[in-house]
C-alpha atoms as a PDB file:
ATOM      1  CA  MET A   1      16.526   7.247   3.719  1.00  0.00           C
ATOM      2  CA  GLY A   2      14.504   9.821   1.770  1.00  0.00           C
ATOM      3  CA  CYS A   3      12.861  10.069  -1.622  1.00  0.00           C
ATOM      4  CA  ASN A   4      16.122  10.939  -3.355  1.00  0.00           C
ATOM      5  CA  THR A   5      18.051   8.040  -1.878  1.00  0.00           C
ATOM      6  CA  LYS A   6      18.533   5.129  -4.267  1.00  0.00           C
ATOM      7  CA  ASN A   7      17.805   1.770  -2.747  1.00  0.00           C
ATOM      8  CA  LYS A   8      20.713  -0.587  -3.483  1.00  0.00           C
ATOM      9  CA  LEU A   9      18.291  -3.492  -3.673  1.00  0.00           C
ATOM     10  CA  GLN A  10      16.088  -1.631  -6.122  1.00  0.00           C
ATOM     11  CA  ARG A  11      15.072  -3.657  -9.155  1.00  0.00           C
ATOM     12  CA  ILE A  12      16.674  -2.389 -12.383  1.00  0.00           C
ATOM     13  CA  PHE A  13      14.611  -2.471 -15.560  1.00  0.00           C
ATOM     14  CA  PRO A  14      16.811  -2.751 -18.663  1.00  0.00           C
ATOM     15  CA  THR A  15      14.296  -1.505 -21.231  1.00  0.00           C
ATOM     16  CA  SER A  16      12.458   1.762 -21.494  1.00  0.00           C
ATOM     17  CA  ILE A  17       8.689   1.573 -21.497  1.00  0.00           C
ATOM     18  CA  ASP A  18       6.033   4.232 -21.595  1.00  0.00           C
ATOM     19  CA  ILE A  19       2.712   3.127 -20.175  1.00  0.00           C
ATOM     20  CA  GLN A  20      -0.722   4.606 -20.782  1.00  0.00           C
ATOM     21  CA  PRO A  21      -2.518   4.611 -17.420  1.00  0.00           C
ATOM     22  CA  LYS A  22      -6.269   4.033 -17.365  1.00  0.00           C
ATOM     23  CA  LEU A  23      -7.972   6.589 -15.117  1.00  0.00           C
ATOM     24  CA  GLU A  24     -11.573   6.551 -16.379  1.00  0.00           C
ATOM     25  CA  ASN A  25     -14.346   3.943 -16.388  1.00  0.00           C
ATOM     26  CA  LEU A  26     -12.655   2.038 -13.585  1.00  0.00           C
ATOM     27  CA  LYS A  27     -14.256  -1.131 -12.235  1.00  0.00           C
ATOM     28  CA  GLU A  28     -14.928  -2.032  -8.607  1.00  0.00           C
ATOM     29  CA  LYS A  29     -11.941  -4.363  -8.348  1.00  0.00           C
ATOM     30  CA  GLY A  30      -8.273  -4.068  -7.504  1.00  0.00           C
ATOM     31  CA  ARG A  31      -5.167  -5.754  -6.165  1.00  0.00           C
ATOM     32  CA  ILE A  32      -3.306  -5.981  -2.894  1.00  0.00           C
ATOM     33  CA  LYS A  33       0.116  -4.482  -2.156  1.00  0.00           C
ATOM     34  CA  PHE A  34       2.259  -5.330   0.879  1.00  0.00           C
ATOM     35  CA  PHE A  35       4.163  -2.783   2.980  1.00  0.00           C
ATOM     36  CA  PHE A  36       6.360  -3.096   6.086  1.00  0.00           C
ATOM     37  CA  HIS A  37       4.545  -1.902   9.219  1.00  0.00           C
ATOM     38  CA  SER A  38       6.356   0.194  11.805  1.00  0.00           C
ATOM     39  CA  PRO A  39       6.836  -1.779  15.042  1.00  0.00           C
ATOM     40  CA  HIS A  40       7.171   1.630  16.729  1.00  0.00           C
ATOM     41  CA  SER A  41       3.518   2.472  16.174  1.00  0.00           C
ATOM     42  CA  SER A  42       0.138   0.939  16.864  1.00  0.00           C
ATOM     43  CA  LEU A  43      -1.150   2.651  13.710  1.00  0.00           C
ATOM     44  CA  PRO A  44      -0.934   1.002  10.268  1.00  0.00           C
ATOM     45  CA  ILE A  45       1.970   3.032   8.886  1.00  0.00           C
ATOM     46  CA  ARG A  46       5.188   2.151   7.072  1.00  0.00           C
ATOM     47  CA  ASP A  47       8.427   1.489   8.965  1.00  0.00           C
ATOM     48  CA  ILE A  48      10.222   4.851   9.016  1.00  0.00           C
ATOM     49  CA  HIS A  49      13.103   3.394  11.058  1.00  0.00           C
ATOM     50  CA  LEU A  50      13.923   0.965   8.220  1.00  0.00           C
ATOM     51  CA  GLY A  51      13.878   3.877   5.796  1.00  0.00           C
ATOM     52  CA  LYS A  52      10.683   2.716   4.106  1.00  0.00           C
ATOM     53  CA  THR A  53       9.022   5.373   1.959  1.00  0.00           C
ATOM     54  CA  GLU A  54       5.896   3.576   0.754  1.00  0.00           C
ATOM     55  CA  PRO A  55       2.989   3.891   0.937  1.00  0.00           C
ATOM     56  CA  HIS A  56       3.836   7.565   0.719  1.00  0.00           C
ATOM     57  CA  ILE A  57       0.686   8.886   2.334  1.00  0.00           C
ATOM     58  CA  GLU A  58       2.211  12.365   2.560  1.00  0.00           C
ATOM     59  CA  LYS A  59       1.549  12.616  -1.197  1.00  0.00           C
ATOM     60  CA  ASN A  60      -1.489  10.280  -1.306  1.00  0.00           C
ATOM     61  CA  ALA A  61       0.637   7.937  -3.384  1.00  0.00           C
ATOM     62  CA  GLU A  62       2.163   4.504  -3.723  1.00  0.00           C
ATOM     63  CA  ASN A  63       5.614   4.110  -5.269  1.00  0.00           C
ATOM     64  CA  TYR A  64       6.255   7.841  -5.131  1.00  0.00           C
ATOM     65  CA  CYS A  65       9.801   7.489  -3.788  1.00  0.00           C
ATOM     66  CA  SER A  66      10.797   3.931  -4.612  1.00  0.00           C
ATOM     67  CA  ARG A  67       9.996   1.712  -7.541  1.00  0.00           C
ATOM     68  CA  CYS A  68       9.143  -1.414  -5.634  1.00  0.00           C
ATOM     69  CA  TYR A  69       7.040  -3.957  -7.549  1.00  0.00           C
ATOM     70  CA  GLN A  70       6.791  -1.771 -10.663  1.00  0.00           C
ATOM     71  CA  ASN A  71       6.425  -4.691 -13.102  1.00  0.00           C
ATOM     72  CA  GLU A  72       4.450  -6.945 -10.757  1.00  0.00           C
ATOM     73  CA  THR A  73       1.952  -4.460  -9.306  1.00  0.00           C
ATOM     74  CA  ILE A  74       2.199  -0.738 -10.029  1.00  0.00           C
ATOM     75  CA  GLN A  75       2.416  -0.595 -13.823  1.00  0.00           C
ATOM     76  CA  PRO A  76      -0.115  -3.422 -14.373  1.00  0.00           C
ATOM     77  CA  PHE A  77      -2.438  -1.686 -11.893  1.00  0.00           C
ATOM     78  CA  LEU A  78      -2.082   1.661 -13.677  1.00  0.00           C
ATOM     79  CA  ILE A  79      -2.959   0.261 -17.116  1.00  0.00           C
ATOM     80  CA  SER A  80      -5.801  -1.881 -15.772  1.00  0.00           C
ATOM     81  CA  ASP A  81      -9.406  -0.887 -15.184  1.00  0.00           C
ATOM     82  CA  GLU A  82      -8.966  -1.683 -11.478  1.00  0.00           C
ATOM     83  CA  LYS A  83      -9.948   1.117  -9.114  1.00  0.00           C
ATOM     84  CA  TYR A  84      -8.420   0.049  -5.769  1.00  0.00           C
ATOM     85  CA  LEU A  85      -4.937  -0.696  -4.520  1.00  0.00           C
ATOM     86  CA  PHE A  86      -5.509  -2.453  -1.190  1.00  0.00           C
ATOM     87  CA  LEU A  87      -2.690  -1.923   1.308  1.00  0.00           C
ATOM     88  CA  PHE A  88      -1.864  -4.801   3.602  1.00  0.00           C
ATOM     89  CA  THR A  89       0.763  -5.476   6.215  1.00  0.00           C
ATOM     90  CA  THR A  90       1.768  -7.656   9.123  1.00  0.00           C
ATOM     91  CA  ASN A  91       1.220  -5.918  12.436  1.00  0.00           C
ATOM     92  CA  ARG A  92       4.687  -5.804  14.044  1.00  0.00           C
ATOM     93  CA  ASP A  93       3.662  -4.044  17.263  1.00  0.00           C
ATOM     94  CA  SER A  94       4.547  -6.710  19.853  1.00  0.00           C
ATOM     95  CA  LYS A  95       2.078  -5.236  22.372  1.00  0.00           C
ATOM     96  CA  SER A  96      -0.852  -5.521  19.986  1.00  0.00           C
ATOM     97  CA  PRO A  97      -3.340  -8.409  20.145  1.00  0.00           C
ATOM     98  CA  TYR A  98      -3.312  -8.210  16.333  1.00  0.00           C
ATOM     99  CA  ASN A  99       0.420  -8.771  15.874  1.00  0.00           C
ATOM    100  CA  ASN A 100       1.888 -11.310  13.456  1.00  0.00           C
ATOM    101  CA  TYR A 101      -1.246 -11.471  11.324  1.00  0.00           C
ATOM    102  CA  ARG A 102      -1.689  -9.964   7.872  1.00  0.00           C
ATOM    103  CA  TYR A 103      -4.406  -7.372   7.445  1.00  0.00           C
ATOM    104  CA  ILE A 104      -5.724  -5.119   4.736  1.00  0.00           C
ATOM    105  CA  VAL A 105      -5.527  -1.793   6.569  1.00  0.00           C
ATOM    106  CA  GLY A 106      -6.772   0.476   3.827  1.00  0.00           C
ATOM    107  CA  TYR A 107      -6.761   1.297   0.177  1.00  0.00           C
ATOM    108  CA  LEU A 108      -5.831   3.867  -2.415  1.00  0.00           C
ATOM    109  CA  GLU A 109      -8.490   4.857  -4.973  1.00  0.00           C
ATOM    110  CA  LYS A 110      -6.705   5.301  -8.305  1.00  0.00           C
ATOM    111  CA  GLN A 111      -7.254   8.869  -9.535  1.00  0.00           C
ATOM    112  CA  ASN A 112      -3.993   9.876 -11.152  1.00  0.00           C
ATOM    113  CA  TYR A 113      -0.377   8.912 -11.686  1.00  0.00           C
ATOM    114  CA  LYS A 114       3.032  10.491 -11.919  1.00  0.00           C
ATOM    115  CA  LYS A 115       5.958   9.376 -14.025  1.00  0.00           C
ATOM    116  CA  ILE A 116       8.869   9.815 -11.628  1.00  0.00           C
ATOM    117  CA  GLU A 117      11.610   8.732 -14.013  1.00  0.00           C
ATOM    118  CA  GLU A 118      12.136   6.146 -16.722  1.00  0.00           C
ATOM    119  CA  ASN A 119      10.277   2.931 -15.762  1.00  0.00           C
ATOM    120  CA  HIS A 120       9.167   4.440 -12.455  1.00  0.00           C
ATOM    121  CA  TYR A 121       5.514   5.365 -12.037  1.00  0.00           C
ATOM    122  CA  SER A 122       3.539   6.323  -8.957  1.00  0.00           C
ATOM    123  CA  VAL A 123      -0.166   5.774  -8.350  1.00  0.00           C
ATOM    124  CA  ILE A 124      -1.925   8.789  -6.832  1.00  0.00           C
ATOM    125  CA  GLY A 125      -5.353   8.945  -5.235  1.00  0.00           C
ATOM    126  CA  LYS A 126      -7.396   9.181  -2.089  1.00  0.00           C
ATOM    127  CA  ILE A 127      -6.040   6.953   0.682  1.00  0.00           C
ATOM    128  CA  ASN A 128      -8.248   5.454   3.384  1.00  0.00           C
ATOM    129  CA  LEU A 129      -6.557   3.853   6.408  1.00  0.00           C
ATOM    130  CA  TYR A 130      -8.050   1.971   9.361  1.00  0.00           C
ATOM    131  CA  ASN A 131      -6.928   0.772  12.803  1.00  0.00           C
ATOM    132  CA  PHE A 132      -5.821  -2.826  13.113  1.00  0.00           C
ATOM    133  CA  LYS A 133      -8.922  -3.613  15.173  1.00  0.00           C
ATOM    134  CA  ASP A 134     -10.989  -2.467  12.171  1.00  0.00           C
ATOM    135  CA  ALA A 135      -8.755  -4.045   9.516  1.00  0.00           C
ATOM    136  CA  PHE A 136      -9.779  -6.796   7.124  1.00  0.00           C
ATOM    137  CA  PRO A 137      -7.972 -10.138   7.682  1.00  0.00           C
ATOM    138  CA  LEU A 138      -6.105 -11.094   4.524  1.00  0.00           C
ATOM    139  CA  ILE A 139      -6.843 -14.759   5.188  1.00  0.00           C
ATOM    140  CA  ASP A 140     -10.519 -14.063   4.383  1.00  0.00           C
ATOM    141  CA  ILE A 141      -9.782 -13.520   0.675  1.00  0.00           C
ATOM    142  CA  VAL A 142      -6.578 -15.360  -0.254  1.00  0.00           C
ATOM    143  CA  LEU A 143      -6.673 -18.407  -2.488  1.00  0.00           C
ATOM    144  CA  LYS A 144      -4.510 -20.696  -0.373  1.00  0.00           C
ATOM    145  CA  LYS A 145      -5.167 -20.092   3.315  1.00  0.00           C
ATOM    146  CA  ASP A 146      -2.100 -22.100   4.373  1.00  0.00           C
ATOM    147  CA  LYS A 147       0.147 -19.825   2.266  1.00  0.00           C
ATOM    148  CA  VAL A 148      -1.150 -16.459   3.528  1.00  0.00           C
ATOM    149  CA  ARG A 149       2.349 -15.353   4.614  1.00  0.00           C
ATOM    150  CA  ASN A 150       3.682 -15.787   1.067  1.00  0.00           C
ATOM    151  CA  TYR A 151       1.355 -13.248  -0.547  1.00  0.00           C
ATOM    152  CA  ARG A 152       2.800  -9.906  -1.584  1.00  0.00           C
ATOM    153  CA  VAL A 153       0.532  -9.118  -4.536  1.00  0.00           C
ATOM    154  CA  LEU A 154      -2.797 -10.527  -5.683  1.00  0.00           C
ATOM    155  CA  LYS A 155      -5.604  -9.379  -7.972  1.00  0.00           C
ATOM    156  CA  ILE A 156      -8.931  -8.911  -6.214  1.00  0.00           C
ATOM    157  CA  ASP A 157     -12.108  -9.575  -8.198  1.00  0.00           C
ATOM    158  CA  THR A 158     -15.337  -7.586  -7.928  1.00  0.00           C
ATOM    159  CA  ASP A 159     -16.934  -9.889  -5.324  1.00  0.00           C
ATOM    160  CA  LYS A 160     -13.939  -9.751  -2.985  1.00  0.00           C
ATOM    161  CA  THR A 161     -13.566  -6.004  -3.536  1.00  0.00           C
ATOM    162  CA  THR A 162     -17.197  -5.529  -2.538  1.00  0.00           C
ATOM    163  CA  LYS A 163     -16.642  -7.663   0.568  1.00  0.00           C
ATOM    164  CA  ILE A 164     -13.623  -5.555   1.621  1.00  0.00           C
ATOM    165  CA  LEU A 165     -15.312  -2.205   0.930  1.00  0.00           C
ATOM    166  CA  GLU A 166     -18.468  -3.287   2.788  1.00  0.00           C
ATOM    167  CA  HIS A 167     -16.274  -4.197   5.766  1.00  0.00           C
ATOM    168  CA  PHE A 168     -14.701  -0.721   5.825  1.00  0.00           C
ATOM    169  CA  LYS A 169     -17.970   1.142   5.203  1.00  0.00           C
ATOM    170  CA  THR A 170     -18.792   1.345   8.932  1.00  0.00           C
ATOM    171  CA  LYS A 171     -15.206   1.914  10.094  1.00  0.00           C
ATOM    172  CA  THR A 172     -13.444   5.222  10.810  1.00  0.00           C
ATOM    173  CA  ASN A 173     -10.833   6.412   8.328  1.00  0.00           C
ATOM    174  CA  ILE A 174      -7.735   7.355  10.390  1.00  0.00           C
ATOM    175  CA  TYR A 175      -5.700   8.786   7.502  1.00  0.00           C
ATOM    176  CA  ASP A 176      -5.054  12.104   9.328  1.00  0.00           C
ATOM    177  CA  SER A 177      -3.825  10.328  12.485  1.00  0.00           C
ATOM    178  CA  CYS A 178      -1.516   8.136  10.388  1.00  0.00           C
ATOM    179  CA  LEU A 179      -0.105  11.189   8.624  1.00  0.00           C
ATOM    180  CA  GLU A 180       0.590  12.887  11.974  1.00  0.00           C
ATOM    181  CA  GLU A 181       2.263   9.694  13.248  1.00  0.00           C
ATOM    182  CA  ILE A 182       4.544   9.476  10.204  1.00  0.00           C
ATOM    183  CA  ILE A 183       5.614  13.095  10.692  1.00  0.00           C
ATOM    184  CA  ARG A 184       6.231  12.450  14.406  1.00  0.00           C
ATOM    185  CA  LEU A 185       8.351   9.347  13.701  1.00  0.00           C
ATOM    186  CA  LYS A 186      10.304  11.093  10.931  1.00  0.00           C
ATOM    187  CA  ASN A 187      11.215  13.841  13.404  1.00  0.00           C
ATOM    188  CA  LEU A 188      12.342  11.247  15.972  1.00  0.00           C
ATOM    189  CA  VAL A 189      14.550   9.525  13.415  1.00  0.00           C
ATOM    190  CA  LYS A 190      16.167  12.843  12.454  1.00  0.00           C
ATOM    191  CA  ASN A 191      17.108  13.624  16.075  1.00  0.00           C
END
C-alpha cells in the first residue's frame, strides 16, 4: 500500500479546517506517537509488510502518506510550541531480547509542515532513530505504569523531554541504516 492508497479505516473529518502551524520559538517539550514496528527487522522501522507508511522517514516526515491521529496528535502538535515528536513502538522481532516492550526509538524535530489535502497535514523535520538496545523505555515516563500498553499519544513536559534527550545524547543515530532497511524491505515486498 503506497502513499496514494486510501486506507479504508482512515478517519474521516467532516469539517474543513485550516491550521496555522507554529514553527518558531519552540519549547523543549513534545508528545509521543506510536507506530507499528516491522517484525521482519531488528531495526526500529515501520511494518512495510502491513502496508504501513508512517513514520515516513524517506521524507523526514510523520503523516506524510496517511492521516492517522490528525486530530489527536498531528494537528495539535503542529499548532503547539512543542519541538519534538517522540516515536515509540513495541519491538515485534521475536528473536530480540527487547521484544514485547514499548520503547521510544527516536524523535522528529519539528521544522516544517506540508498540507497534503483538506484536513491532512504532515510534520516535517530532522529524524533521529536509535537501536532498541539504545532506546528509551516508555514505562520510564508514562503516568500509569500498569497501563503502558494502552498509550498511543501523550504530551511530554520539559523535564521528561530533557530526560529522553539526555538519554539519546550518547547514543548513535541510525537513521541512514533505517532508511536503507526500509528500501530493502520495500523491494522485497514488490517481488
